[in-house]
Each structure stands twice: as C-alpha cells, then as structure tokens.
Full PDB file with SEQRES, HELIX, SHEET, SSBOND, CRYST1, ORIGX, SCALE, CONECT and MASTER records, all heavy atoms in Angstrom:
SEQRES   1 A   32  GLN ALA VAL HIS GLY VAL PRO GLY ASP TYR ASN LEU LEU          
SEQRES   2 A   32  MET MET ASP TYR ILE ALA PRO ALA GLY LEU GLU TRP ILE          
SEQRES   3 A   32  GLY ASN CYS ASN GLU LEU                                      
HELIX    1 AA1 LEU A   12  MET A   15  1                                   4    
HELIX    2 AA2 ALA A   19  ALA A   21  5                                   3    
SHEET    1 AA1 2 ALA A   2  GLY A   5  0                                        
SHEET    2 AA1 2 GLU A  24  GLY A  27  1                                        
CRYST1    1.000    1.000    1.000  90.00  90.00  90.00 P 1           1          
ORIGX1      1.000000  0.000000  0.000000        0.00000                         
ORIGX2      0.000000  1.000000  0.000000        0.00000                         
ORIGX3      0.000000  0.000000  1.000000        0.00000                         
SCALE1      1.000000  0.000000  0.000000        0.00000                         
SCALE2      0.000000  1.000000  0.000000        0.00000                         
SCALE3      0.000000  0.000000  1.000000        0.00000                         
ATOM      1  N   GLN A   1     -11.104  23.198  -0.809  1.00  0.00           N  
ATOM      2  CA  GLN A   1     -12.415  22.574  -0.704  1.00  0.00           C  
ATOM      3  C   GLN A   1     -12.400  21.099  -1.046  1.00  0.00           C  
ATOM      4  O   GLN A   1     -13.399  20.380  -0.885  1.00  0.00           O  
ATOM      5  CB  GLN A   1     -13.439  23.279  -1.613  1.00  0.00           C  
ATOM      6  CG  GLN A   1     -13.799  24.684  -1.156  1.00  0.00           C  
ATOM      7  CD  GLN A   1     -14.741  25.380  -2.087  1.00  0.00           C  
ATOM      8  OE1 GLN A   1     -14.373  26.279  -2.821  1.00  0.00           O  
ATOM      9  NE2 GLN A   1     -16.019  24.982  -2.044  1.00  0.00           N  
ATOM     10  N   ALA A   2     -11.245  20.587  -1.537  1.00  0.00           N  
ATOM     11  CA  ALA A   2     -11.150  19.169  -1.900  1.00  0.00           C  
ATOM     12  C   ALA A   2      -9.729  18.670  -1.665  1.00  0.00           C  
ATOM     13  O   ALA A   2      -8.772  19.422  -1.797  1.00  0.00           O  
ATOM     14  CB  ALA A   2     -11.530  18.985  -3.368  1.00  0.00           C  
ATOM     15  N   VAL A   3      -9.644  17.405  -1.325  1.00  0.00           N  
ATOM     16  CA  VAL A   3      -8.346  16.754  -1.095  1.00  0.00           C  
ATOM     17  C   VAL A   3      -8.194  15.601  -2.043  1.00  0.00           C  
ATOM     18  O   VAL A   3      -9.065  14.720  -2.126  1.00  0.00           O  
ATOM     19  CB  VAL A   3      -8.250  16.212   0.361  1.00  0.00           C  
ATOM     20  CG1 VAL A   3      -6.905  15.545   0.580  1.00  0.00           C  
ATOM     21  CG2 VAL A   3      -8.429  17.355   1.369  1.00  0.00           C  
ATOM     22  N   HIS A   4      -7.109  15.603  -2.847  1.00  0.00           N  
ATOM     23  CA  HIS A   4      -6.804  14.522  -3.738  1.00  0.00           C  
ATOM     24  C   HIS A   4      -5.925  13.476  -3.051  1.00  0.00           C  
ATOM     25  O   HIS A   4      -5.365  13.735  -1.961  1.00  0.00           O  
ATOM     26  CB  HIS A   4      -6.116  15.057  -5.006  1.00  0.00           C  
ATOM     27  CG  HIS A   4      -6.974  15.893  -5.862  1.00  0.00           C  
ATOM     28  ND1 HIS A   4      -7.166  17.254  -5.663  1.00  0.00           N  
ATOM     29  CD2 HIS A   4      -7.740  15.583  -6.938  1.00  0.00           C  
ATOM     30  CE1 HIS A   4      -7.982  17.731  -6.581  1.00  0.00           C  
ATOM     31  NE2 HIS A   4      -8.349  16.723  -7.359  1.00  0.00           N  
ATOM     32  N   GLY A   5      -5.797  12.325  -3.625  1.00  0.00           N  
ATOM     33  CA  GLY A   5      -4.886  11.366  -3.065  1.00  0.00           C  
ATOM     34  C   GLY A   5      -5.309   9.925  -3.264  1.00  0.00           C  
ATOM     35  O   GLY A   5      -6.287   9.599  -3.986  1.00  0.00           O  
ATOM     36  N   VAL A   6      -4.613   9.038  -2.564  1.00  0.00           N  
ATOM     37  CA  VAL A   6      -4.853   7.595  -2.603  1.00  0.00           C  
ATOM     38  C   VAL A   6      -4.725   7.070  -1.166  1.00  0.00           C  
ATOM     39  O   VAL A   6      -3.765   7.378  -0.469  1.00  0.00           O  
ATOM     40  CB  VAL A   6      -3.815   6.890  -3.526  1.00  0.00           C  
ATOM     41  CG1 VAL A   6      -4.012   5.377  -3.510  1.00  0.00           C  
ATOM     42  CG2 VAL A   6      -3.882   7.423  -4.956  1.00  0.00           C  
ATOM     43  N   PRO A   7      -5.672   6.275  -0.707  1.00  0.00           N  
ATOM     44  CA  PRO A   7      -5.578   5.731   0.641  1.00  0.00           C  
ATOM     45  C   PRO A   7      -4.498   4.691   0.771  1.00  0.00           C  
ATOM     46  O   PRO A   7      -4.137   3.998  -0.207  1.00  0.00           O  
ATOM     47  CB  PRO A   7      -6.955   5.122   0.889  1.00  0.00           C  
ATOM     48  CG  PRO A   7      -7.484   4.776  -0.502  1.00  0.00           C  
ATOM     49  CD  PRO A   7      -6.891   5.834  -1.402  1.00  0.00           C  
ATOM     50  N   GLY A   8      -3.927   4.609   1.951  1.00  0.00           N  
ATOM     51  CA  GLY A   8      -2.940   3.573   2.286  1.00  0.00           C  
ATOM     52  C   GLY A   8      -2.954   3.320   3.755  1.00  0.00           C  
ATOM     53  O   GLY A   8      -3.472   4.114   4.554  1.00  0.00           O  
ATOM     54  N   ASP A   9      -2.404   2.206   4.190  1.00  0.00           N  
ATOM     55  CA  ASP A   9      -2.601   1.821   5.582  1.00  0.00           C  
ATOM     56  C   ASP A   9      -2.016   2.811   6.563  1.00  0.00           C  
ATOM     57  O   ASP A   9      -2.487   2.921   7.695  1.00  0.00           O  
ATOM     58  CB  ASP A   9      -2.066   0.403   5.845  1.00  0.00           C  
ATOM     59  CG  ASP A   9      -0.634   0.188   5.370  1.00  0.00           C  
ATOM     60  OD1 ASP A   9      -0.089   1.087   4.683  1.00  0.00           O  
ATOM     61  OD2 ASP A   9      -0.077  -0.882   5.656  1.00  0.00           O  
ATOM     62  N   TYR A  10      -1.002   3.595   6.187  1.00  0.00           N  
ATOM     63  CA  TYR A  10      -0.448   4.545   7.126  1.00  0.00           C  
ATOM     64  C   TYR A  10      -1.210   5.886   7.141  1.00  0.00           C  
ATOM     65  O   TYR A  10      -0.926   6.768   7.972  1.00  0.00           O  
ATOM     66  CB  TYR A  10       1.008   4.834   6.791  1.00  0.00           C  
ATOM     67  CG  TYR A  10       1.934   3.651   6.992  1.00  0.00           C  
ATOM     68  CD1 TYR A  10       2.790   3.224   5.967  1.00  0.00           C  
ATOM     69  CD2 TYR A  10       1.952   2.955   8.210  1.00  0.00           C  
ATOM     70  CE1 TYR A  10       3.637   2.160   6.154  1.00  0.00           C  
ATOM     71  CE2 TYR A  10       2.799   1.842   8.393  1.00  0.00           C  
ATOM     72  CZ  TYR A  10       3.644   1.465   7.353  1.00  0.00           C  
ATOM     73  OH  TYR A  10       4.456   0.356   7.529  1.00  0.00           O  
ATOM     74  N   ASN A  11      -2.157   6.091   6.213  1.00  0.00           N  
ATOM     75  CA  ASN A  11      -2.923   7.352   6.228  1.00  0.00           C  
ATOM     76  C   ASN A  11      -4.423   7.116   6.431  1.00  0.00           C  
ATOM     77  O   ASN A  11      -5.180   8.085   6.445  1.00  0.00           O  
ATOM     78  CB  ASN A  11      -2.647   8.169   4.965  1.00  0.00           C  
ATOM     79  CG  ASN A  11      -3.177   7.535   3.702  1.00  0.00           C  
ATOM     80  OD1 ASN A  11      -4.140   6.771   3.695  1.00  0.00           O  
ATOM     81  ND2 ASN A  11      -2.543   7.828   2.554  1.00  0.00           N  
ATOM     82  N   LEU A  12      -4.865   5.878   6.615  1.00  0.00           N  
ATOM     83  CA  LEU A  12      -6.307   5.611   6.648  1.00  0.00           C  
ATOM     84  C   LEU A  12      -6.975   6.309   7.799  1.00  0.00           C  
ATOM     85  O   LEU A  12      -8.101   6.796   7.644  1.00  0.00           O  
ATOM     86  CB  LEU A  12      -6.537   4.107   6.732  1.00  0.00           C  
ATOM     87  CG  LEU A  12      -6.310   3.302   5.447  1.00  0.00           C  
ATOM     88  CD1 LEU A  12      -6.455   1.832   5.708  1.00  0.00           C  
ATOM     89  CD2 LEU A  12      -7.284   3.745   4.371  1.00  0.00           C  
ATOM     90  N   LEU A  13      -6.361   6.389   8.955  1.00  0.00           N  
ATOM     91  CA  LEU A  13      -7.007   7.013  10.109  1.00  0.00           C  
ATOM     92  C   LEU A  13      -7.311   8.504   9.849  1.00  0.00           C  
ATOM     93  O   LEU A  13      -8.355   9.001  10.247  1.00  0.00           O  
ATOM     94  CB  LEU A  13      -6.116   6.889  11.342  1.00  0.00           C  
ATOM     95  CG  LEU A  13      -5.952   5.458  11.902  1.00  0.00           C  
ATOM     96  CD1 LEU A  13      -4.968   5.489  13.073  1.00  0.00           C  
ATOM     97  CD2 LEU A  13      -7.271   4.856  12.307  1.00  0.00           C  
ATOM     98  N   MET A  14      -6.414   9.185   9.165  1.00  0.00           N  
ATOM     99  CA  MET A  14      -6.645  10.639   8.926  1.00  0.00           C  
ATOM    100  C   MET A  14      -7.740  10.830   7.920  1.00  0.00           C  
ATOM    101  O   MET A  14      -8.361  11.922   7.886  1.00  0.00           O  
ATOM    102  CB  MET A  14      -5.344  11.321   8.552  1.00  0.00           C  
ATOM    103  CG  MET A  14      -4.882  11.080   7.115  1.00  0.00           C  
ATOM    104  SD  MET A  14      -3.524  12.159   6.688  1.00  0.00           S  
ATOM    105  CE  MET A  14      -2.151  11.378   7.560  1.00  0.00           C  
ATOM    106  N   MET A  15      -8.028   9.843   7.091  1.00  0.00           N  
ATOM    107  CA  MET A  15      -9.071  10.020   6.083  1.00  0.00           C  
ATOM    108  C   MET A  15     -10.437  10.316   6.711  1.00  0.00           C  
ATOM    109  O   MET A  15     -11.253  11.036   6.105  1.00  0.00           O  
ATOM    110  CB  MET A  15      -9.198   8.725   5.239  1.00  0.00           C  
ATOM    111  CG  MET A  15      -7.968   8.415   4.388  1.00  0.00           C  
ATOM    112  SD  MET A  15      -7.795   9.550   3.019  1.00  0.00           S  
ATOM    113  CE  MET A  15      -6.384   8.814   2.206  1.00  0.00           C  
ATOM    114  N   ASP A  16     -10.672   9.807   7.895  1.00  0.00           N  
ATOM    115  CA  ASP A  16     -11.948  10.005   8.540  1.00  0.00           C  
ATOM    116  C   ASP A  16     -12.225  11.462   8.930  1.00  0.00           C  
ATOM    117  O   ASP A  16     -13.353  11.815   9.283  1.00  0.00           O  
ATOM    118  CB  ASP A  16     -12.065   9.113   9.769  1.00  0.00           C  
ATOM    119  CG  ASP A  16     -12.064   7.632   9.442  1.00  0.00           C  
ATOM    120  OD1 ASP A  16     -12.497   7.272   8.323  1.00  0.00           O  
ATOM    121  OD2 ASP A  16     -11.638   6.850  10.295  1.00  0.00           O  
ATOM    122  N   TYR A  17     -11.205  12.265   8.859  1.00  0.00           N  
ATOM    123  CA  TYR A  17     -11.345  13.693   9.287  1.00  0.00           C  
ATOM    124  C   TYR A  17     -11.545  14.632   8.121  1.00  0.00           C  
ATOM    125  O   TYR A  17     -11.775  15.839   8.345  1.00  0.00           O  
ATOM    126  CB  TYR A  17     -10.093  14.099  10.070  1.00  0.00           C  
ATOM    127  CG  TYR A  17      -9.946  13.414  11.383  1.00  0.00           C  
ATOM    128  CD1 TYR A  17      -9.287  12.157  11.461  1.00  0.00           C  
ATOM    129  CD2 TYR A  17     -10.435  13.953  12.575  1.00  0.00           C  
ATOM    130  CE1 TYR A  17      -9.143  11.483  12.675  1.00  0.00           C  
ATOM    131  CE2 TYR A  17     -10.302  13.298  13.784  1.00  0.00           C  
ATOM    132  CZ  TYR A  17      -9.628  12.062  13.819  1.00  0.00           C  
ATOM    133  OH  TYR A  17      -9.515  11.430  15.016  1.00  0.00           O  
ATOM    134  N   ILE A  18     -11.483  14.129   6.896  1.00  0.00           N  
ATOM    135  CA  ILE A  18     -11.573  15.014   5.725  1.00  0.00           C  
ATOM    136  C   ILE A  18     -12.982  15.574   5.537  1.00  0.00           C  
ATOM    137  O   ILE A  18     -13.195  16.805   5.496  1.00  0.00           O  
ATOM    138  CB  ILE A  18     -11.079  14.282   4.482  1.00  0.00           C  
ATOM    139  CG1 ILE A  18      -9.598  13.998   4.583  1.00  0.00           C  
ATOM    140  CG2 ILE A  18     -11.388  15.083   3.212  1.00  0.00           C  
ATOM    141  CD1 ILE A  18      -9.028  13.119   3.465  1.00  0.00           C  
ATOM    142  N   ALA A  19     -13.974  14.704   5.428  1.00  0.00           N  
ATOM    143  CA  ALA A  19     -15.354  15.174   5.191  1.00  0.00           C  
ATOM    144  C   ALA A  19     -15.881  15.995   6.356  1.00  0.00           C  
ATOM    145  O   ALA A  19     -16.534  17.043   6.110  1.00  0.00           O  
ATOM    146  CB  ALA A  19     -16.265  13.971   4.933  1.00  0.00           C  
ATOM    147  N   PRO A  20     -15.667  15.669   7.622  1.00  0.00           N  
ATOM    148  CA  PRO A  20     -16.181  16.488   8.721  1.00  0.00           C  
ATOM    149  C   PRO A  20     -15.608  17.915   8.714  1.00  0.00           C  
ATOM    150  O   PRO A  20     -16.220  18.835   9.282  1.00  0.00           O  
ATOM    151  CB  PRO A  20     -15.743  15.729   9.978  1.00  0.00           C  
ATOM    152  CG  PRO A  20     -15.666  14.310   9.545  1.00  0.00           C  
ATOM    153  CD  PRO A  20     -15.138  14.383   8.153  1.00  0.00           C  
ATOM    154  N   ALA A  21     -14.461  18.108   8.098  1.00  0.00           N  
ATOM    155  CA  ALA A  21     -13.881  19.463   8.012  1.00  0.00           C  
ATOM    156  C   ALA A  21     -14.431  20.268   6.864  1.00  0.00           C  
ATOM    157  O   ALA A  21     -14.028  21.387   6.627  1.00  0.00           O  
ATOM    158  CB  ALA A  21     -12.356  19.356   7.848  1.00  0.00           C  
ATOM    159  N   GLY A  22     -15.410  19.691   6.133  1.00  0.00           N  
ATOM    160  CA  GLY A  22     -16.017  20.406   5.014  1.00  0.00           C  
ATOM    161  C   GLY A  22     -15.286  20.257   3.720  1.00  0.00           C  
ATOM    162  O   GLY A  22     -15.492  21.028   2.781  1.00  0.00           O  
ATOM    163  N   LEU A  23     -14.469  19.194   3.644  1.00  0.00           N  
ATOM    164  CA  LEU A  23     -13.650  18.955   2.438  1.00  0.00           C  
ATOM    165  C   LEU A  23     -14.199  17.724   1.700  1.00  0.00           C  
ATOM    166  O   LEU A  23     -14.674  16.774   2.298  1.00  0.00           O  
ATOM    167  CB  LEU A  23     -12.201  18.744   2.796  1.00  0.00           C  
ATOM    168  CG  LEU A  23     -11.485  19.911   3.526  1.00  0.00           C  
ATOM    169  CD1 LEU A  23     -10.131  19.460   4.046  1.00  0.00           C  
ATOM    170  CD2 LEU A  23     -11.331  21.094   2.576  1.00  0.00           C  
ATOM    171  N   GLU A  24     -14.058  17.756   0.371  1.00  0.00           N  
ATOM    172  CA  GLU A  24     -14.451  16.634  -0.465  1.00  0.00           C  
ATOM    173  C   GLU A  24     -13.219  15.761  -0.695  1.00  0.00           C  
ATOM    174  O   GLU A  24     -12.156  16.260  -1.011  1.00  0.00           O  
ATOM    175  CB  GLU A  24     -15.042  17.112  -1.772  1.00  0.00           C  
ATOM    176  CG  GLU A  24     -15.491  15.998  -2.711  1.00  0.00           C  
ATOM    177  CD  GLU A  24     -16.073  16.500  -4.015  1.00  0.00           C  
ATOM    178  OE1 GLU A  24     -16.015  17.716  -4.252  1.00  0.00           O  
ATOM    179  OE2 GLU A  24     -16.549  15.683  -4.824  1.00  0.00           O  
ATOM    180  N   TRP A  25     -13.413  14.450  -0.566  1.00  0.00           N  
ATOM    181  CA  TRP A  25     -12.326  13.514  -0.862  1.00  0.00           C  
ATOM    182  C   TRP A  25     -12.381  13.149  -2.329  1.00  0.00           C  
ATOM    183  O   TRP A  25     -13.448  12.708  -2.835  1.00  0.00           O  
ATOM    184  CB  TRP A  25     -12.396  12.282  -0.008  1.00  0.00           C  
ATOM    185  CG  TRP A  25     -11.498  11.155  -0.444  1.00  0.00           C  
ATOM    186  CD1 TRP A  25     -11.868   9.962  -0.976  1.00  0.00           C  
ATOM    187  CD2 TRP A  25     -10.059  11.152  -0.405  1.00  0.00           C  
ATOM    188  NE1 TRP A  25     -10.737   9.201  -1.270  1.00  0.00           N  
ATOM    189  CE2 TRP A  25      -9.635   9.917  -0.942  1.00  0.00           C  
ATOM    190  CE3 TRP A  25      -9.097  12.076   0.007  1.00  0.00           C  
ATOM    191  CZ2 TRP A  25      -8.282   9.569  -1.047  1.00  0.00           C  
ATOM    192  CZ3 TRP A  25      -7.769  11.736  -0.105  1.00  0.00           C  
ATOM    193  CH2 TRP A  25      -7.369  10.502  -0.625  1.00  0.00           C  
ATOM    194  N   ILE A  26     -11.268  13.293  -3.058  1.00  0.00           N  
ATOM    195  CA  ILE A  26     -11.182  12.893  -4.462  1.00  0.00           C  
ATOM    196  C   ILE A  26     -10.181  11.748  -4.552  1.00  0.00           C  
ATOM    197  O   ILE A  26      -8.948  11.952  -4.529  1.00  0.00           O  
ATOM    198  CB  ILE A  26     -10.723  14.057  -5.341  1.00  0.00           C  
ATOM    199  CG1 ILE A  26     -11.505  15.320  -5.070  1.00  0.00           C  
ATOM    200  CG2 ILE A  26     -10.739  13.668  -6.790  1.00  0.00           C  
ATOM    201  CD1 ILE A  26     -12.957  15.242  -5.393  1.00  0.00           C  
ATOM    202  N   GLY A  27     -10.671  10.528  -4.592  1.00  0.00           N  
ATOM    203  CA  GLY A  27      -9.781   9.394  -4.677  1.00  0.00           C  
ATOM    204  C   GLY A  27      -9.280   9.238  -6.100  1.00  0.00           C  
ATOM    205  O   GLY A  27     -10.097   9.036  -7.033  1.00  0.00           O  
ATOM    206  N   ASN A  28      -7.977   9.340  -6.304  1.00  0.00           N  
ATOM    207  CA  ASN A  28      -7.407   9.256  -7.651  1.00  0.00           C  
ATOM    208  C   ASN A  28      -6.946   7.841  -7.908  1.00  0.00           C  
ATOM    209  O   ASN A  28      -6.907   6.965  -7.021  1.00  0.00           O  
ATOM    210  CB  ASN A  28      -6.247  10.227  -7.780  1.00  0.00           C  
ATOM    211  CG  ASN A  28      -6.712  11.654  -7.680  1.00  0.00           C  
ATOM    212  OD1 ASN A  28      -6.681  12.238  -6.558  1.00  0.00           O  
ATOM    213  ND2 ASN A  28      -7.181  12.229  -8.746  1.00  0.00           N  
ATOM    214  N   CYS A  29      -6.608   7.582  -9.187  1.00  0.00           N  
ATOM    215  CA  CYS A  29      -6.254   6.236  -9.586  1.00  0.00           C  
ATOM    216  C   CYS A  29      -4.839   5.864  -9.162  1.00  0.00           C  
ATOM    217  O   CYS A  29      -4.512   4.672  -9.036  1.00  0.00           O  
ATOM    218  CB  CYS A  29      -6.419   6.070 -11.093  1.00  0.00           C  
ATOM    219  SG  CYS A  29      -8.104   6.343 -11.657  1.00  0.00           S  
ATOM    220  N   ASN A  30      -3.988   6.833  -8.993  1.00  0.00           N  
ATOM    221  CA  ASN A  30      -2.641   6.601  -8.465  1.00  0.00           C  
ATOM    222  C   ASN A  30      -2.103   7.908  -7.923  1.00  0.00           C  
ATOM    223  O   ASN A  30      -2.680   9.003  -8.153  1.00  0.00           O  
ATOM    224  CB  ASN A  30      -1.672   5.976  -9.502  1.00  0.00           C  
ATOM    225  CG  ASN A  30      -1.535   6.850 -10.747  1.00  0.00           C  
ATOM    226  OD1 ASN A  30      -1.193   8.008 -10.664  1.00  0.00           O  
ATOM    227  ND2 ASN A  30      -1.819   6.287 -11.909  1.00  0.00           N  
ATOM    228  N   GLU A  31      -1.015   7.839  -7.215  1.00  0.00           N  
ATOM    229  CA  GLU A  31      -0.502   9.035  -6.527  1.00  0.00           C  
ATOM    230  C   GLU A  31       0.072  10.070  -7.456  1.00  0.00           C  
ATOM    231  O   GLU A  31      -0.014  11.289  -7.229  1.00  0.00           O  
ATOM    232  CB  GLU A  31       0.565   8.620  -5.514  1.00  0.00           C  
ATOM    233  CG  GLU A  31       0.052   7.839  -4.326  1.00  0.00           C  
ATOM    234  CD  GLU A  31      -0.044   6.348  -4.558  1.00  0.00           C  
ATOM    235  OE1 GLU A  31       0.212   5.898  -5.709  1.00  0.00           O  
ATOM    236  OE2 GLU A  31      -0.376   5.604  -3.615  1.00  0.00           O  
ATOM    237  N   LEU A  32       0.664   9.626  -8.594  1.00  0.00           N  
ATOM    238  CA  LEU A  32       1.172  10.595  -9.561  1.00  0.00           C  
ATOM    239  C   LEU A  32       0.049  11.418 -10.110  1.00  0.00           C  
ATOM    240  O   LEU A  32       0.132  12.671 -10.189  1.00  0.00           O  
ATOM    241  CB  LEU A  32       1.912   9.850 -10.700  1.00  0.00           C  
ATOM    242  CG  LEU A  32       2.394  10.738 -11.842  1.00  0.00           C  
ATOM    243  CD1 LEU A  32       3.399  11.764 -11.368  1.00  0.00           C  
ATOM    244  CD2 LEU A  32       2.990   9.868 -12.976  1.00  0.00           C  
TER     245      LEU A  32                                                      
MASTER        0    0    0    2    2    0    0    6  244    1    0    3          
END                                                                             
C-alpha cells in the first residue's frame, strides 16, 4: 500500500505511476 524511496533523475518518470496505482509515496531522507 506504500512505496518508500528517494527520487532521482533516472527514476522520476516512474514516480508518476505510484499514486494512480493506489499506492502512497513515502519520500525518505536518504536511501539507506
């Protein structure tokens, strides 16, 4: 129901598909 992570230029396009799939984006402070 939720996706953790950190945005970066190679993954930004896929970020737009998280919320429409019914998932919550949890932006963390770093990848670790």
